[in-house]
Protein backbone atom coordinates (compact mmCIF):
# COMPACT_ATOMS: atom_id res chain seq x y z
CA MET A 1 44.81 65.88 -83.41
CA ASP A 2 41.44 64.87 -84.85
CA LYS A 3 39.51 62.08 -83.25
CA PRO A 4 39.05 58.91 -85.31
CA GLU A 5 35.94 58.96 -87.45
CA SER A 6 34.71 55.76 -85.77
CA ASN A 7 33.94 57.85 -82.65
CA VAL A 8 31.81 60.35 -84.58
CA GLN A 9 28.04 60.04 -84.56
CA SER A 10 25.97 62.08 -87.04
CA PHE A 11 22.22 62.68 -86.98
CA ILE A 12 19.73 64.50 -89.16
CA VAL A 13 16.71 65.98 -87.40
CA LYS A 14 13.69 67.20 -89.35
CA LEU A 15 10.87 68.96 -87.47
CA TRP A 16 7.61 70.53 -88.54
CA LEU A 17 4.55 71.98 -86.88
CA GLU A 18 1.31 70.12 -87.62
CA ASP A 19 -1.97 71.96 -87.41
CA SER A 20 -4.08 70.39 -84.69
CA GLY A 21 -7.34 71.63 -86.22
CA ASP A 22 -8.60 73.02 -82.92
CA GLU A 23 -10.12 76.46 -82.53
CA MET A 24 -7.11 77.79 -80.63
CA GLY A 25 -4.87 77.20 -83.64
CA ARG A 26 -2.34 75.25 -81.61
CA GLY A 27 -0.12 72.86 -83.45
CA GLU A 28 1.97 69.90 -82.44
CA TRP A 29 5.62 69.34 -83.26
CA ARG A 30 6.32 66.24 -85.31
CA GLY A 31 9.39 65.03 -87.09
CA TYR A 32 12.00 62.36 -87.37
CA ILE A 33 15.64 61.78 -86.57
CA THR A 34 17.98 59.69 -88.66
CA HIS A 35 21.27 58.15 -87.59
CA VAL A 36 23.43 58.89 -90.62
CA PRO A 37 25.96 56.02 -90.49
CA GLY A 38 23.36 53.29 -89.86
CA GLY A 39 20.33 54.81 -91.60
CA GLU A 40 17.99 54.04 -88.69
CA ARG A 41 15.12 56.51 -88.49
CA ARG A 42 12.69 57.20 -85.65
CA TYR A 43 9.60 59.33 -85.92
CA LEU A 44 9.17 61.86 -83.14
CA LYS A 45 6.06 62.70 -81.17
CA GLU A 46 7.90 64.71 -78.52
CA LEU A 47 11.11 66.69 -78.69
CA SER A 48 12.49 64.64 -75.79
CA ASP A 49 12.51 61.63 -78.15
CA ILE A 50 15.56 63.20 -79.81
CA LYS A 51 17.60 62.88 -76.62
CA ASP A 52 16.52 59.26 -76.13
CA PHE A 53 17.42 58.29 -79.69
CA ILE A 54 20.86 59.91 -79.60
CA GLY A 55 21.51 58.45 -76.16
CA GLN A 56 21.43 54.93 -77.60
CA TYR A 57 24.36 55.68 -79.87
CA LEU A 58 26.35 57.59 -77.27
CA GLY A 59 26.16 54.55 -75.01
CA GLU A 60 27.71 52.45 -77.76
CA VAL A 61 30.82 54.67 -77.80
CA GLY A 62 31.17 54.67 -74.01
CA VAL A 63 29.27 57.78 -72.92
CA ARG A 64 27.50 57.05 -69.64
CA ARG A 65 23.92 58.26 -69.33
CA GLY A 66 22.17 59.30 -66.15
CA ILE A 67 19.81 56.96 -64.31
CA GLY A 68 16.74 58.70 -65.78
CA CYS A 69 17.87 57.94 -69.33
CA GLN A 70 18.75 54.38 -68.41
CA LEU A 71 15.34 53.83 -66.82
CA ARG A 72 13.46 55.25 -69.84
CA ALA A 73 15.49 53.03 -72.19
CA TRP A 74 14.76 49.96 -70.05
CA LEU A 75 11.04 50.76 -69.93
CA ARG A 76 10.94 51.27 -73.70
CA ARG A 77 12.54 47.85 -74.25
CA GLN A 78 10.03 46.22 -71.89
CA THR A 79 6.99 47.74 -73.63
CA LYS A 80 8.25 46.57 -77.05
CA ARG A 81 8.18 42.98 -75.82
CA PHE A 82 4.39 42.98 -75.44
């Protein structure tokens, strides 16, 4: 039996490599992730930002995150206050 659609979370991730302009020719990954149902978009500076963004929505449907994820989310909320 299929799960109800209300428990489904969909995301679009777009990544690209930006030229850093240094002599070594190293680039940096940039991108964004979009939550499809709600339309919220977050720009990414690190690939680990993907996990943090998705984790917010998984918590809303009852998926428990580890203490590291919870701590990062709490710290992010605190820094947005200032």
